Amino acid sequence: MGAVSKPLVEEARSVFHELGYELTAEGEELRAERKWRTVYVTTVDPAEANTHGRLRCFVARAERAPEIQDRLLAMEPGYDWAVISIDEEGEYRVLHPSADVLPAP
């Protein structure tokens, strides 16, 4: 029997909780807050995601995360972003754009 993985939104909740964020569900996404920072966390495709907020995090399975990163690079959205890549064991890594890609404040 193969490994049973949690839904991505639950994986995202675990990651941000582990990082010390307080989480609030907002429709299909999570609002993660810590100190002065609010990050909107979503598992939907970037083209379908809300655009409010200055910081956004897209959560994807490891095999799909590079594709999400490439889409965001091509879209050049007006917010800072990162992609959390989660593998079958629940381990994650964060994919960031290079500094010259991010919008100026």
PDB file of N, CA and C in Angstrom:
ATOM      1  N   MET A   1       0.835  -1.172   0.000  1.00  0.00           N
ATOM      2  CA  MET A   1       0.000   0.000   0.000  1.00  0.00           C
ATOM      3  C   MET A   1       0.882   1.239   0.000  1.00  0.00           C
ATOM      4  N   GLY A   2       0.587   2.213  -0.884  1.00  0.00           N
ATOM      5  CA  GLY A   2       1.390   3.419  -1.000  1.00  0.00           C
ATOM      6  C   GLY A   2       1.123   4.387   0.137  1.00  0.00           C
ATOM      7  N   ALA A   3       1.958   5.392   0.212  1.00  0.00           N
ATOM      8  CA  ALA A   3       1.807   6.415   1.243  1.00  0.00           C
ATOM      9  C   ALA A   3       0.547   7.233   0.980  1.00  0.00           C
ATOM     10  N   VAL A   4      -0.156   7.557   2.032  1.00  0.00           N
ATOM     11  CA  VAL A   4      -1.338   8.393   1.918  1.00  0.00           C
ATOM     12  C   VAL A   4      -0.921   9.810   2.272  1.00  0.00           C
ATOM     13  N   SER A   5      -1.144  10.722   1.348  1.00  0.00           N
ATOM     14  CA  SER A   5      -0.741  12.108   1.617  1.00  0.00           C
ATOM     15  C   SER A   5      -1.964  12.935   1.990  1.00  0.00           C
ATOM     16  N   LYS A   6      -1.707  13.954   2.782  1.00  0.00           N
ATOM     17  CA  LYS A   6      -2.762  14.881   3.194  1.00  0.00           C
ATOM     18  C   LYS A   6      -3.085  15.810   2.021  1.00  0.00           C
ATOM     19  N   PRO A   7      -4.283  16.383   2.013  1.00  0.00           N
ATOM     20  CA  PRO A   7      -4.585  17.399   1.004  1.00  0.00           C
ATOM     21  C   PRO A   7      -3.577  18.555   1.111  1.00  0.00           C
ATOM     22  N   LEU A   8      -3.284  19.190  -0.011  1.00  0.00           N
ATOM     23  CA  LEU A   8      -2.289  20.264  -0.034  1.00  0.00           C
ATOM     24  C   LEU A   8      -2.589  21.381   0.950  1.00  0.00           C
ATOM     25  N   VAL A   9      -3.843  21.752   1.092  1.00  0.00           N
ATOM     26  CA  VAL A   9      -4.169  22.835   2.014  1.00  0.00           C
ATOM     27  C   VAL A   9      -3.798  22.451   3.450  1.00  0.00           C
ATOM     28  N   GLU A  10      -3.946  21.185   3.807  1.00  0.00           N
ATOM     29  CA  GLU A  10      -3.556  20.734   5.142  1.00  0.00           C
ATOM     30  C   GLU A  10      -2.033  20.691   5.281  1.00  0.00           C
ATOM     31  N   GLU A  11      -1.357  20.309   4.215  1.00  0.00           N
ATOM     32  CA  GLU A  11       0.114  20.333   4.209  1.00  0.00           C
ATOM     33  C   GLU A  11       0.591  21.777   4.409  1.00  0.00           C
ATOM     34  N   ALA A  12      -0.030  22.707   3.696  1.00  0.00           N
ATOM     35  CA  ALA A  12       0.334  24.126   3.819  1.00  0.00           C
ATOM     36  C   ALA A  12       0.083  24.614   5.234  1.00  0.00           C
ATOM     37  N   ARG A  13      -1.057  24.238   5.792  1.00  0.00           N
ATOM     38  CA  ARG A  13      -1.385  24.625   7.171  1.00  0.00           C
ATOM     39  C   ARG A  13      -0.301  24.121   8.131  1.00  0.00           C
ATOM     40  N   SER A  14       0.128  22.894   7.957  1.00  0.00           N
ATOM     41  CA  SER A  14       1.175  22.325   8.820  1.00  0.00           C
ATOM     42  C   SER A  14       2.491  23.077   8.697  1.00  0.00           C
ATOM     43  N   VAL A  15       2.881  23.394   7.463  1.00  0.00           N
ATOM     44  CA  VAL A  15       4.141  24.109   7.227  1.00  0.00           C
ATOM     45  C   VAL A  15       4.113  25.476   7.905  1.00  0.00           C
ATOM     46  N   PHE A  16       3.066  26.249   7.670  1.00  0.00           N
ATOM     47  CA  PHE A  16       3.013  27.597   8.229  1.00  0.00           C
ATOM     48  C   PHE A  16       2.819  27.580   9.744  1.00  0.00           C
ATOM     49  N   HIS A  17       2.097  26.606  10.256  1.00  0.00           N
ATOM     50  CA  HIS A  17       1.952  26.474  11.712  1.00  0.00           C
ATOM     51  C   HIS A  17       3.318  26.180  12.342  1.00  0.00           C
ATOM     52  N   GLU A  18       4.071  25.287  11.711  1.00  0.00           N
ATOM     53  CA  GLU A  18       5.418  24.941  12.174  1.00  0.00           C
ATOM     54  C   GLU A  18       6.346  26.165  12.165  1.00  0.00           C
ATOM     55  N   LEU A  19       6.112  27.084  11.237  1.00  0.00           N
ATOM     56  CA  LEU A  19       6.925  28.301  11.137  1.00  0.00           C
ATOM     57  C   LEU A  19       6.456  29.404  12.085  1.00  0.00           C
ATOM     58  N   GLY A  20       5.399  29.133  12.856  1.00  0.00           N
ATOM     59  CA  GLY A  20       4.940  30.087  13.858  1.00  0.00           C
ATOM     60  C   GLY A  20       3.884  31.069  13.403  1.00  0.00           C
ATOM     61  N   TYR A  21       3.242  30.805  12.289  1.00  0.00           N
ATOM     62  CA  TYR A  21       2.189  31.690  11.791  1.00  0.00           C
ATOM     63  C   TYR A  21       0.843  31.319  12.398  1.00  0.00           C
ATOM     64  N   GLU A  22       0.001  32.339  12.603  1.00  0.00           N
ATOM     65  CA  GLU A  22      -1.394  32.112  12.970  1.00  0.00           C
ATOM     66  C   GLU A  22      -2.174  32.050  11.668  1.00  0.00           C
ATOM     67  N   LEU A  23      -3.063  31.071  11.540  1.00  0.00           N
ATOM     68  CA  LEU A  23      -3.739  30.820  10.276  1.00  0.00           C
ATOM     69  C   LEU A  23      -5.239  31.038  10.365  1.00  0.00           C
ATOM     70  N   THR A  24      -5.772  31.614   9.300  1.00  0.00           N
ATOM     71  CA  THR A  24      -7.203  31.824   9.168  1.00  0.00           C
ATOM     72  C   THR A  24      -7.610  31.387   7.772  1.00  0.00           C
ATOM     73  N   ALA A  25      -8.653  30.561   7.683  1.00  0.00           N
ATOM     74  CA  ALA A  25      -9.163  30.152   6.374  1.00  0.00           C
ATOM     75  C   ALA A  25      -9.935  31.314   5.765  1.00  0.00           C
ATOM     76  N   GLU A  26      -9.669  31.570   4.489  1.00  0.00           N
ATOM     77  CA  GLU A  26     -10.384  32.613   3.734  1.00  0.00           C
ATOM     78  C   GLU A  26     -10.769  32.024   2.386  1.00  0.00           C
ATOM     79  N   GLY A  27     -11.921  31.404   2.331  1.00  0.00           N
ATOM     80  CA  GLY A  27     -12.343  30.760   1.092  1.00  0.00           C
ATOM     81  C   GLY A  27     -11.420  29.614   0.750  1.00  0.00           C
ATOM     82  N   GLU A  28     -10.832  29.656  -0.439  1.00  0.00           N
ATOM     83  CA  GLU A  28      -9.944  28.594  -0.896  1.00  0.00           C
ATOM     84  C   GLU A  28      -8.489  28.804  -0.481  1.00  0.00           C
ATOM     85  N   GLU A  29      -8.218  29.850   0.280  1.00  0.00           N
ATOM     86  CA  GLU A  29      -6.842  30.096   0.686  1.00  0.00           C
ATOM     87  C   GLU A  29      -6.751  30.300   2.186  1.00  0.00           C
ATOM     88  N   LEU A  30      -5.516  30.382   2.656  1.00  0.00           N
ATOM     89  CA  LEU A  30      -5.248  30.643   4.069  1.00  0.00           C
ATOM     90  C   LEU A  30      -4.590  32.011   4.194  1.00  0.00           C
ATOM     91  N   ARG A  31      -4.904  32.706   5.266  1.00  0.00           N
ATOM     92  CA  ARG A  31      -4.181  33.938   5.605  1.00  0.00           C
ATOM     93  C   ARG A  31      -3.266  33.561   6.760  1.00  0.00           C
ATOM     94  N   ALA A  32      -1.970  33.668   6.537  1.00  0.00           N
ATOM     95  CA  ALA A  32      -0.968  33.321   7.550  1.00  0.00           C
ATOM     96  C   ALA A  32      -0.368  34.625   8.068  1.00  0.00           C
ATOM     97  N   GLU A  33      -0.445  34.830   9.395  1.00  0.00           N
ATOM     98  CA  GLU A  33       0.039  36.077   9.987  1.00  0.00           C
ATOM     99  C   GLU A  33       1.073  35.797  11.068  1.00  0.00           C
ATOM    100  N   ARG A  34       2.125  36.608  11.033  1.00  0.00           N
ATOM    101  CA  ARG A  34       3.191  36.516  12.027  1.00  0.00           C
ATOM    102  C   ARG A  34       3.871  37.870  12.093  1.00  0.00           C
ATOM    103  N   LYS A  35       3.908  38.442  13.296  1.00  0.00           N
ATOM    104  CA  LYS A  35       4.464  39.779  13.495  1.00  0.00           C
ATOM    105  C   LYS A  35       3.795  40.750  12.538  1.00  0.00           C
ATOM    106  N   TRP A  36       4.532  41.421  11.709  1.00  0.00           N
ATOM    107  CA  TRP A  36       4.016  42.419  10.775  1.00  0.00           C
ATOM    108  C   TRP A  36       3.618  41.828   9.428  1.00  0.00           C
ATOM    109  N   ARG A  37       3.864  40.552   9.236  1.00  0.00           N
ATOM    110  CA  ARG A  37       3.736  39.934   7.918  1.00  0.00           C
ATOM    111  C   ARG A  37       2.425  39.167   7.761  1.00  0.00           C
ATOM    112  N   THR A  38       1.758  39.375   6.626  1.00  0.00           N
ATOM    113  CA  THR A  38       0.593  38.593   6.251  1.00  0.00           C
ATOM    114  C   THR A  38       0.879  37.961   4.894  1.00  0.00           C
ATOM    115  N   VAL A  39       0.798  36.637   4.847  1.00  0.00           N
ATOM    116  CA  VAL A  39       1.040  35.885   3.622  1.00  0.00           C
ATOM    117  C   VAL A  39      -0.254  35.177   3.248  1.00  0.00           C
ATOM    118  N   TYR A  40      -0.673  35.340   2.000  1.00  0.00           N
ATOM    119  CA  TYR A  40      -1.834  34.617   1.505  1.00  0.00           C
ATOM    120  C   TYR A  40      -1.337  33.337   0.851  1.00  0.00           C
ATOM    121  N   VAL A  41      -1.838  32.215   1.333  1.00  0.00           N
ATOM    122  CA  VAL A  41      -1.371  30.891   0.935  1.00  0.00           C
ATOM    123  C   VAL A  41      -2.470  30.206   0.133  1.00  0.00           C
ATOM    124  N   THR A  42      -2.109  29.700  -1.038  1.00  0.00           N
ATOM    125  CA  THR A  42      -3.104  29.066  -1.892  1.00  0.00           C
ATOM    126  C   THR A  42      -2.559  27.830  -2.582  1.00  0.00           C
ATOM    127  N   THR A  43      -3.467  26.958  -2.957  1.00  0.00           N
ATOM    128  CA  THR A  43      -3.101  25.759  -3.706  1.00  0.00           C
ATOM    129  C   THR A  43      -3.642  25.815  -5.130  1.00  0.00           C
ATOM    130  N   VAL A  44      -4.260  26.937  -5.509  1.00  0.00           N
ATOM    131  CA  VAL A  44      -4.807  27.050  -6.861  1.00  0.00           C
ATOM    132  C   VAL A  44      -3.744  27.542  -7.837  1.00  0.00           C
ATOM    133  N   ASP A  45      -4.019  27.370  -9.099  1.00  0.00           N
ATOM    134  CA  ASP A  45      -3.125  27.819 -10.166  1.00  0.00           C
ATOM    135  C   ASP A  45      -2.957  29.341 -10.080  1.00  0.00           C
ATOM    136  N   PRO A  46      -1.756  29.857 -10.324  1.00  0.00           N
ATOM    137  CA  PRO A  46      -1.531  31.302 -10.231  1.00  0.00           C
ATOM    138  C   PRO A  46      -2.487  32.136 -11.082  1.00  0.00           C
ATOM    139  N   ALA A  47      -2.876  31.642 -12.248  1.00  0.00           N
ATOM    140  CA  ALA A  47      -3.784  32.387 -13.117  1.00  0.00           C
ATOM    141  C   ALA A  47      -5.173  32.522 -12.501  1.00  0.00           C
ATOM    142  N   GLU A  48      -5.522  31.622 -11.588  1.00  0.00           N
ATOM    143  CA  GLU A  48      -6.841  31.632 -10.953  1.00  0.00           C
ATOM    144  C   GLU A  48      -6.814  32.230  -9.552  1.00  0.00           C
ATOM    145  N   ALA A  49      -5.633  32.551  -9.053  1.00  0.00           N
ATOM    146  CA  ALA A  49      -5.485  33.016  -7.674  1.00  0.00           C
ATOM    147  C   ALA A  49      -5.916  34.472  -7.517  1.00  0.00           C
ATOM    148  N   ASN A  50      -6.339  34.796  -6.314  1.00  0.00           N
ATOM    149  CA  ASN A  50      -6.619  36.186  -5.974  1.00  0.00           C
ATOM    150  C   ASN A  50      -5.334  36.995  -6.106  1.00  0.00           C
ATOM    151  N   THR A  51      -5.463  38.287  -6.265  1.00  0.00           N
ATOM    152  CA  THR A  51      -4.268  39.122  -6.411  1.00  0.00           C
ATOM    153  C   THR A  51      -4.114  40.127  -5.276  1.00  0.00           C
ATOM    154  N   HIS A  52      -4.993  40.061  -4.270  1.00  0.00           N
ATOM    155  CA  HIS A  52      -4.849  40.977  -3.135  1.00  0.00           C
ATOM    156  C   HIS A  52      -3.661  40.547  -2.270  1.00  0.00           C
ATOM    157  N   GLY A  53      -3.157  41.471  -1.506  1.00  0.00           N
ATOM    158  CA  GLY A  53      -2.027  41.180  -0.625  1.00  0.00           C
ATOM    159  C   GLY A  53      -0.700  41.383  -1.317  1.00  0.00           C
ATOM    160  N   ARG A  54       0.299  41.698  -0.515  1.00  0.00           N
ATOM    161  CA  ARG A  54       1.643  41.942  -1.032  1.00  0.00           C
ATOM    162  C   ARG A  54       2.503  40.689  -1.057  1.00  0.00           C
ATOM    163  N   LEU A  55       2.167  39.712  -0.200  1.00  0.00           N
ATOM    164  CA  LEU A  55       2.938  38.470  -0.116  1.00  0.00           C
ATOM    165  C   LEU A  55       2.016  37.287  -0.394  1.00  0.00           C
ATOM    166  N   ARG A  56       2.403  36.444  -1.362  1.00  0.00           N
ATOM    167  CA  ARG A  56       1.598  35.274  -1.703  1.00  0.00           C
ATOM    168  C   ARG A  56       2.490  34.049  -1.771  1.00  0.00           C
ATOM    169  N   CYS A  57       1.938  32.923  -1.343  1.00  0.00           N
ATOM    170  CA  CYS A  57       2.667  31.663  -1.380  1.00  0.00           C
ATOM    171  C   CYS A  57       1.787  30.624  -2.062  1.00  0.00           C
ATOM    172  N   PHE A  58       2.325  29.981  -3.053  1.00  0.00           N
ATOM    173  CA  PHE A  58       1.630  28.928  -3.788  1.00  0.00           C
ATOM    174  C   PHE A  58       2.195  27.589  -3.329  1.00  0.00           C
ATOM    175  N   VAL A  59       1.316  26.651  -3.010  1.00  0.00           N
ATOM    176  CA  VAL A  59       1.726  25.345  -2.515  1.00  0.00           C
ATOM    177  C   VAL A  59       1.396  24.312  -3.581  1.00  0.00           C
ATOM    178  N   ALA A  60       2.387  23.464  -3.911  1.00  0.00           N
ATOM    179  CA  ALA A  60       2.200  22.461  -4.960  1.00  0.00           C
ATOM    180  C   ALA A  60       2.981  21.197  -4.622  1.00  0.00           C
ATOM    181  N   ARG A  61       2.559  20.088  -5.184  1.00  0.00           N
ATOM    182  CA  ARG A  61       3.318  18.849  -5.078  1.00  0.00           C
ATOM    183  C   ARG A  61       4.654  19.041  -5.781  1.00  0.00           C
ATOM    184  N   ALA A  62       5.663  18.330  -5.322  1.00  0.00           N
ATOM    185  CA  ALA A  62       7.034  18.512  -5.811  1.00  0.00           C
ATOM    186  C   ALA A  62       7.146  18.414  -7.330  1.00  0.00           C
ATOM    187  N   GLU A  63       6.409  17.508  -7.935  1.00  0.00           N
ATOM    188  CA  GLU A  63       6.523  17.339  -9.390  1.00  0.00           C
ATOM    189  C   GLU A  63       5.907  18.514 -10.161  1.00  0.00           C
ATOM    190  N   ARG A  64       5.046  19.288  -9.536  1.00  0.00           N
ATOM    191  CA  ARG A  64       4.369  20.395 -10.210  1.00  0.00           C
ATOM    192  C   ARG A  64       4.932  21.766  -9.825  1.00  0.00           C
ATOM    193  N   ALA A  65       5.671  21.848  -8.740  1.00  0.00           N
ATOM    194  CA  ALA A  65       6.159  23.129  -8.231  1.00  0.00           C
ATOM    195  C   ALA A  65       7.014  23.915  -9.236  1.00  0.00           C
ATOM    196  N   PRO A  66       7.954  23.294  -9.964  1.00  0.00           N
ATOM    197  CA  PRO A  66       8.733  24.075 -10.931  1.00  0.00           C
ATOM    198  C   PRO A  66       7.859  24.708 -12.028  1.00  0.00           C
ATOM    199  N   GLU A  67       6.804  24.022 -12.426  1.00  0.00           N
ATOM    200  CA  GLU A  67       5.878  24.560 -13.424  1.00  0.00           C
ATOM    201  C   GLU A  67       5.162  25.804 -12.879  1.00  0.00           C
ATOM    202  N   ILE A  68       4.750  25.751 -11.608  1.00  0.00           N
ATOM    203  CA  ILE A  68       4.104  26.894 -10.966  1.00  0.00           C
ATOM    204  C   ILE A  68       5.083  28.064 -10.898  1.00  0.00           C
ATOM    205  N   GLN A  69       6.324  27.777 -10.524  1.00  0.00           N
ATOM    206  CA  GLN A  69       7.346  28.821 -10.469  1.00  0.00           C
ATOM    207  C   GLN A  69       7.542  29.460 -11.852  1.00  0.00           C
ATOM    208  N   ASP A  70       7.625  28.651 -12.889  1.00  0.00           N
ATOM    209  CA  ASP A  70       7.791  29.184 -14.249  1.00  0.00           C
ATOM    210  C   ASP A  70       6.606  30.049 -14.663  1.00  0.00           C
ATOM    211  N   ARG A  71       5.391  29.622 -14.298  1.00  0.00           N
ATOM    212  CA  ARG A  71       4.200  30.419 -14.626  1.00  0.00           C
ATOM    213  C   ARG A  71       4.248  31.784 -13.950  1.00  0.00           C
ATOM    214  N   LEU A  72       4.637  31.786 -12.685  1.00  0.00           N
ATOM    215  CA  LEU A  72       4.724  33.054 -11.956  1.00  0.00           C
ATOM    216  C   LEU A  72       5.791  33.964 -12.552  1.00  0.00           C
ATOM    217  N   LEU A  73       6.921  33.394 -12.933  1.00  0.00           N
ATOM    218  CA  LEU A  73       7.977  34.184 -13.568  1.00  0.00           C
ATOM    219  C   LEU A  73       7.473  34.808 -14.868  1.00  0.00           C
ATOM    220  N   ALA A  74       6.701  34.050 -15.640  1.00  0.00           N
ATOM    221  CA  ALA A  74       6.168  34.557 -16.910  1.00  0.00           C
ATOM    222  C   ALA A  74       5.077  35.608 -16.680  1.00  0.00           C
ATOM    223  N   MET A  75       4.282  35.438 -15.637  1.00  0.00           N
ATOM    224  CA  MET A  75       3.181  36.363 -15.349  1.00  0.00           C
ATOM    225  C   MET A  75       3.660  37.708 -14.813  1.00  0.00           C
ATOM    226  N   GLU A  76       4.788  37.706 -14.105  1.00  0.00           N
ATOM    227  CA  GLU A  76       5.307  38.911 -13.457  1.00  0.00           C
ATOM    228  C   GLU A  76       4.228  39.615 -12.622  1.00  0.00           C
ATOM    229  N   PRO A  77       3.663  38.900 -11.637  1.00  0.00           N
ATOM    230  CA  PRO A  77       2.590  39.510 -10.834  1.00  0.00           C
ATOM    231  C   PRO A  77       3.109  40.686 -10.013  1.00  0.00           C
ATOM    232  N   GLY A  78       2.195  41.528  -9.560  1.00  0.00           N
ATOM    233  CA  GLY A  78       2.551  42.722  -8.795  1.00  0.00           C
ATOM    234  C   GLY A  78       2.666  42.474  -7.303  1.00  0.00           C
ATOM    235  N   TYR A  79       3.026  41.291  -6.899  1.00  0.00           N
ATOM    236  CA  TYR A  79       3.219  40.952  -5.486  1.00  0.00           C
ATOM    237  C   TYR A  79       4.446  40.063  -5.340  1.00  0.00           C
ATOM    238  N   ASP A  80       5.001  40.024  -4.147  1.00  0.00           N
ATOM    239  CA  ASP A  80       6.107  39.112  -3.850  1.00  0.00           C
ATOM    240  C   ASP A  80       5.521  37.724  -3.699  1.00  0.00           C
ATOM    241  N   TRP A  81       6.238  36.709  -4.171  1.00  0.00           N
ATOM    242  CA  TRP A  81       5.713  35.355  -4.121  1.00  0.00           C
ATOM    243  C   TRP A  81       6.805  34.323  -3.863  1.00  0.00           C
ATOM    244  N   ALA A  82       6.343  33.150  -3.471  1.00  0.00           N
ATOM    245  CA  ALA A  82       7.203  31.974  -3.334  1.00  0.00           C
ATOM    246  C   ALA A  82       6.325  30.764  -3.622  1.00  0.00           C
ATOM    247  N   VAL A  83       6.968  29.651  -3.921  1.00  0.00           N
ATOM    248  CA  VAL A  83       6.267  28.391  -4.129  1.00  0.00           C
ATOM    249  C   VAL A  83       6.817  27.402  -3.111  1.00  0.00           C
ATOM    250  N   ILE A  84       5.923  26.738  -2.388  1.00  0.00           N
ATOM    251  CA  ILE A  84       6.347  25.667  -1.483  1.00  0.00           C
ATOM    252  C   ILE A  84       6.112  24.355  -2.207  1.00  0.00           C
ATOM    253  N   SER A  85       7.182  23.613  -2.379  1.00  0.00           N
ATOM    254  CA  SER A  85       7.157  22.312  -3.033  1.00  0.00           C
ATOM    255  C   SER A  85       7.110  21.245  -1.940  1.00  0.00           C
ATOM    256  N   ILE A  86       6.059  20.406  -1.951  1.00  0.00           N
ATOM    257  CA  ILE A  86       5.898  19.376  -0.920  1.00  0.00           C
ATOM    258  C   ILE A  86       5.971  18.004  -1.570  1.00  0.00           C
ATOM    259  N   ASP A  87       6.876  17.154  -1.041  1.00  0.00           N
ATOM    260  CA  ASP A  87       7.021  15.815  -1.614  1.00  0.00           C
ATOM    261  C   ASP A  87       6.092  14.810  -0.926  1.00  0.00           C
ATOM    262  N   GLU A  88       6.155  13.567  -1.354  1.00  0.00           N
ATOM    263  CA  GLU A  88       5.256  12.521  -0.840  1.00  0.00           C
ATOM    264  C   GLU A  88       5.445  12.229   0.641  1.00  0.00           C
ATOM    265  N   GLU A  89       6.617  12.530   1.174  1.00  0.00           N
ATOM    266  CA  GLU A  89       6.873  12.300   2.601  1.00  0.00           C
ATOM    267  C   GLU A  89       6.478  13.493   3.460  1.00  0.00           C
ATOM    268  N   GLY A  90       5.972  14.545   2.822  1.00  0.00           N
ATOM    269  CA  GLY A  90       5.588  15.737   3.561  1.00  0.00           C
ATOM    270  C   GLY A  90       6.731  16.716   3.768  1.00  0.00           C
ATOM    271  N   GLU A  91       7.892  16.422   3.222  1.00  0.00           N
ATOM    272  CA  GLU A  91       9.023  17.345   3.304  1.00  0.00           C
ATOM    273  C   GLU A  91       8.797  18.469   2.298  1.00  0.00           C
ATOM    274  N   TYR A  92       9.279  19.658   2.637  1.00  0.00           N
ATOM    275  CA  TYR A  92       9.055  20.782   1.736  1.00  0.00           C
ATOM    276  C   TYR A  92      10.326  21.561   1.494  1.00  0.00           C
ATOM    277  N   ARG A  93      10.304  22.312   0.392  1.00  0.00           N
ATOM    278  CA  ARG A  93      11.351  23.287   0.105  1.00  0.00           C
ATOM    279  C   ARG A  93      10.683  24.483  -0.542  1.00  0.00           C
ATOM    280  N   VAL A  94      11.309  25.627  -0.400  1.00  0.00           N
ATOM    281  CA  VAL A  94      10.728  26.869  -0.889  1.00  0.00           C
ATOM    282  C   VAL A  94      11.462  27.309  -2.148  1.00  0.00           C
ATOM    283  N   LEU A  95      10.701  27.583  -3.190  1.00  0.00           N
ATOM    284  CA  LEU A  95      11.247  28.095  -4.447  1.00  0.00           C
ATOM    285  C   LEU A  95      10.931  29.578  -4.517  1.00  0.00           C
ATOM    286  N   HIS A  96      11.978  30.406  -4.606  1.00  0.00           N
ATOM    287  CA  HIS A  96      11.831  31.855  -4.673  1.00  0.00           C
ATOM    288  C   HIS A  96      12.207  32.330  -6.074  1.00  0.00           C
ATOM    289  N   PRO A  97      11.657  33.473  -6.478  1.00  0.00           N
ATOM    290  CA  PRO A  97      12.178  34.082  -7.700  1.00  0.00           C
ATOM    291  C   PRO A  97      13.510  34.743  -7.370  1.00  0.00           C
ATOM    292  N   SER A  98      14.297  35.076  -8.368  1.00  0.00           N
ATOM    293  CA  SER A  98      15.519  35.808  -8.087  1.00  0.00           C
ATOM    294  C   SER A  98      15.136  37.227  -7.684  1.00  0.00           C
ATOM    295  N   ALA A  99      16.011  37.915  -6.984  1.00  0.00           N
ATOM    296  CA  ALA A  99      15.715  39.251  -6.457  1.00  0.00           C
ATOM    297  C   ALA A  99      15.368  40.258  -7.545  1.00  0.00           C
ATOM    298  N   ASP A 100      15.925  40.120  -8.735  1.00  0.00           N
ATOM    299  CA  ASP A 100      15.639  41.085  -9.796  1.00  0.00           C
ATOM    300  C   ASP A 100      14.253  40.897 -10.425  1.00  0.00           C
ATOM    301  N   VAL A 101      13.551  39.828 -10.069  1.00  0.00           N
ATOM    302  CA  VAL A 101      12.220  39.561 -10.612  1.00  0.00           C
ATOM    303  C   VAL A 101      11.130  40.202  -9.748  1.00  0.00           C
ATOM    304  N   LEU A 102      11.393  40.374  -8.467  1.00  0.00           N
ATOM    305  CA  LEU A 102      10.372  40.875  -7.552  1.00  0.00           C
ATOM    306  C   LEU A 102      10.076  42.357  -7.807  1.00  0.00           C
ATOM    307  N   PRO A 103       8.793  42.757  -7.637  1.00  0.00           N
ATOM    308  CA  PRO A 103       8.446  44.153  -7.856  1.00  0.00           C
ATOM    309  C   PRO A 103       9.080  45.067  -6.811  1.00  0.00           C
ATOM    310  N   ALA A 104       9.376  46.280  -7.207  1.00  0.00           N
ATOM    311  CA  ALA A 104       9.917  47.265  -6.261  1.00  0.00           C
ATOM    312  C   ALA A 104       8.790  47.779  -5.378  1.00  0.00           C
ATOM    313  N   PRO A 105       9.058  48.020  -4.069  1.00  0.00           N
ATOM    314  CA  PRO A 105       8.003  48.520  -3.171  1.00  0.00           C
ATOM    315  C   PRO A 105       7.567  49.918  -3.519  1.00  0.00           C
TER     316      PRO A 105
END
